[in-house]
Amino acid sequence: MASGGKTPGKPDDRPQGGSGDPSKSDIGDALRSAYEDAVKEDIPAEMLDLLGKLD
């Protein structure tokens, strides 16, 4: 068993944010953009039909 008292993979072993890493900002921007694109999409007619059958 590994010494040190910590179990690998636990949340406290992950790197902490706030390092100012620009790649994290780029990822956030990409996620926001993808979300906005998804929100703007129309709901497919098949999905609306299925939802209508729930009533």
N, C-alpha and C. Protein backbone atom coordinates (compact mmCIF):
# COMPACT_ATOMS: atom_id res chain seq x y z
N MET A 1 0.85 -1.18 0.00
CA MET A 1 0.00 0.00 0.00
C MET A 1 0.89 1.24 0.00
N ALA A 2 0.46 2.29 -0.65
CA ALA A 2 1.26 3.52 -0.75
C ALA A 2 1.29 4.24 0.57
N SER A 3 2.41 4.86 0.86
CA SER A 3 2.52 5.63 2.09
C SER A 3 2.08 7.05 1.85
N GLY A 4 1.85 7.79 2.95
CA GLY A 4 1.45 9.18 2.80
C GLY A 4 0.03 9.42 3.26
N GLY A 5 -0.77 8.36 3.43
CA GLY A 5 -2.10 8.49 3.98
C GLY A 5 -3.16 8.98 3.02
N LYS A 6 -2.82 9.23 1.79
CA LYS A 6 -3.82 9.70 0.82
C LYS A 6 -4.14 8.58 -0.16
N THR A 7 -5.39 8.52 -0.58
CA THR A 7 -5.80 7.55 -1.58
C THR A 7 -5.80 8.23 -2.94
N PRO A 8 -5.05 7.69 -3.91
CA PRO A 8 -5.04 8.31 -5.23
C PRO A 8 -6.45 8.37 -5.81
N GLY A 9 -6.73 9.44 -6.52
CA GLY A 9 -8.02 9.59 -7.16
C GLY A 9 -9.04 10.32 -6.30
N LYS A 10 -8.72 10.60 -5.07
CA LYS A 10 -9.63 11.36 -4.21
C LYS A 10 -9.62 12.82 -4.64
N PRO A 11 -10.74 13.54 -4.45
CA PRO A 11 -10.79 14.95 -4.88
C PRO A 11 -9.68 15.82 -4.30
N ASP A 12 -9.19 15.54 -3.10
CA ASP A 12 -8.14 16.38 -2.52
C ASP A 12 -6.79 16.18 -3.19
N ASP A 13 -6.66 15.17 -4.05
CA ASP A 13 -5.41 14.94 -4.77
C ASP A 13 -5.39 15.64 -6.12
N ARG A 14 -6.52 16.22 -6.52
CA ARG A 14 -6.59 16.90 -7.81
C ARG A 14 -5.97 18.27 -7.73
N PRO A 15 -5.41 18.75 -8.84
CA PRO A 15 -4.87 20.12 -8.84
C PRO A 15 -5.98 21.13 -8.58
N GLN A 16 -5.65 22.15 -7.84
CA GLN A 16 -6.62 23.18 -7.51
C GLN A 16 -6.68 24.20 -8.64
N GLY A 17 -7.86 24.78 -8.87
CA GLY A 17 -8.03 25.79 -9.90
C GLY A 17 -7.47 27.12 -9.46
N GLY A 18 -7.66 28.12 -10.29
CA GLY A 18 -7.22 29.46 -9.95
C GLY A 18 -5.77 29.73 -10.28
N SER A 19 -5.16 28.88 -11.07
CA SER A 19 -3.75 29.07 -11.39
C SER A 19 -3.56 30.11 -12.49
N GLY A 20 -4.67 30.58 -13.07
CA GLY A 20 -4.55 31.54 -14.15
C GLY A 20 -4.18 30.91 -15.47
N ASP A 21 -4.31 29.60 -15.57
CA ASP A 21 -3.97 28.87 -16.79
C ASP A 21 -4.92 29.30 -17.91
N PRO A 22 -4.42 29.91 -18.98
CA PRO A 22 -5.30 30.39 -20.05
C PRO A 22 -6.06 29.26 -20.74
N SER A 23 -5.55 28.03 -20.72
CA SER A 23 -6.26 26.95 -21.38
C SER A 23 -7.57 26.66 -20.66
N LYS A 24 -7.66 26.89 -19.36
CA LYS A 24 -8.91 26.70 -18.63
C LYS A 24 -9.93 27.73 -19.07
N SER A 25 -9.49 28.94 -19.33
CA SER A 25 -10.39 29.98 -19.83
C SER A 25 -10.90 29.61 -21.21
N ASP A 26 -10.01 29.07 -22.05
CA ASP A 26 -10.41 28.65 -23.40
C ASP A 26 -11.45 27.54 -23.33
N ILE A 27 -11.28 26.61 -22.40
CA ILE A 27 -12.23 25.51 -22.24
C ILE A 27 -13.58 26.07 -21.80
N GLY A 28 -13.58 27.00 -20.87
CA GLY A 28 -14.81 27.62 -20.41
C GLY A 28 -15.53 28.34 -21.54
N ASP A 29 -14.77 29.07 -22.34
CA ASP A 29 -15.36 29.78 -23.48
C ASP A 29 -15.97 28.80 -24.47
N ALA A 30 -15.27 27.69 -24.74
CA ALA A 30 -15.77 26.69 -25.68
C ALA A 30 -17.05 26.04 -25.15
N LEU A 31 -17.08 25.75 -23.85
CA LEU A 31 -18.28 25.15 -23.26
C LEU A 31 -19.47 26.11 -23.31
N ARG A 32 -19.23 27.39 -23.00
CA ARG A 32 -20.31 28.38 -23.07
C ARG A 32 -20.84 28.50 -24.50
N SER A 33 -19.94 28.50 -25.46
CA SER A 33 -20.33 28.61 -26.86
C SER A 33 -21.16 27.40 -27.29
N ALA A 34 -20.73 26.20 -26.91
CA ALA A 34 -21.46 24.99 -27.26
C ALA A 34 -22.84 25.00 -26.61
N TYR A 35 -22.93 25.46 -25.37
CA TYR A 35 -24.22 25.53 -24.67
C TYR A 35 -25.16 26.51 -25.39
N GLU A 36 -24.64 27.68 -25.74
CA GLU A 36 -25.47 28.68 -26.43
C GLU A 36 -25.97 28.13 -27.77
N ASP A 37 -25.11 27.41 -28.50
CA ASP A 37 -25.54 26.82 -29.77
C ASP A 37 -26.64 25.79 -29.55
N ALA A 38 -26.51 24.98 -28.52
CA ALA A 38 -27.52 23.95 -28.23
C ALA A 38 -28.85 24.59 -27.84
N VAL A 39 -28.80 25.66 -27.07
CA VAL A 39 -30.03 26.34 -26.63
C VAL A 39 -30.77 26.95 -27.82
N LYS A 40 -30.03 27.40 -28.81
CA LYS A 40 -30.65 28.04 -29.98
C LYS A 40 -31.28 27.04 -30.95
N GLU A 41 -30.94 25.75 -30.83
CA GLU A 41 -31.46 24.75 -31.76
C GLU A 41 -32.95 24.52 -31.52
N ASP A 42 -33.65 24.23 -32.62
CA ASP A 42 -35.06 23.89 -32.52
C ASP A 42 -35.22 22.49 -31.95
N ILE A 43 -36.34 22.25 -31.28
CA ILE A 43 -36.65 20.92 -30.77
C ILE A 43 -37.18 20.10 -31.96
N PRO A 44 -36.61 18.92 -32.20
CA PRO A 44 -37.07 18.10 -33.33
C PRO A 44 -38.55 17.74 -33.20
N ALA A 45 -39.23 17.65 -34.34
CA ALA A 45 -40.65 17.33 -34.37
C ALA A 45 -40.94 16.00 -33.68
N GLU A 46 -40.04 15.03 -33.85
CA GLU A 46 -40.24 13.72 -33.21
C GLU A 46 -40.26 13.85 -31.69
N MET A 47 -39.42 14.72 -31.15
CA MET A 47 -39.38 14.92 -29.70
C MET A 47 -40.65 15.63 -29.23
N LEU A 48 -41.11 16.62 -29.98
CA LEU A 48 -42.33 17.30 -29.63
C LEU A 48 -43.51 16.34 -29.66
N ASP A 49 -43.52 15.41 -30.63
CA ASP A 49 -44.58 14.41 -30.71
C ASP A 49 -44.56 13.52 -29.47
N LEU A 50 -43.38 13.06 -29.10
CA LEU A 50 -43.27 12.21 -27.90
C LEU A 50 -43.71 12.97 -26.64
N LEU A 51 -43.31 14.22 -26.53
CA LEU A 51 -43.71 15.01 -25.37
C LEU A 51 -45.22 15.22 -25.34
N GLY A 52 -45.81 15.38 -26.52
CA GLY A 52 -47.26 15.56 -26.60
C GLY A 52 -48.02 14.33 -26.13
N LYS A 53 -47.42 13.16 -26.31
CA LYS A 53 -48.07 11.91 -25.88
C LYS A 53 -48.05 11.73 -24.36
N LEU A 54 -47.25 12.52 -23.67
CA LEU A 54 -47.20 12.43 -22.20
C LEU A 54 -48.41 13.10 -21.56
N ASP A 55 -49.06 13.99 -22.27
CA ASP A 55 -50.21 14.71 -21.69
C ASP A 55 -51.42 13.84 -21.53
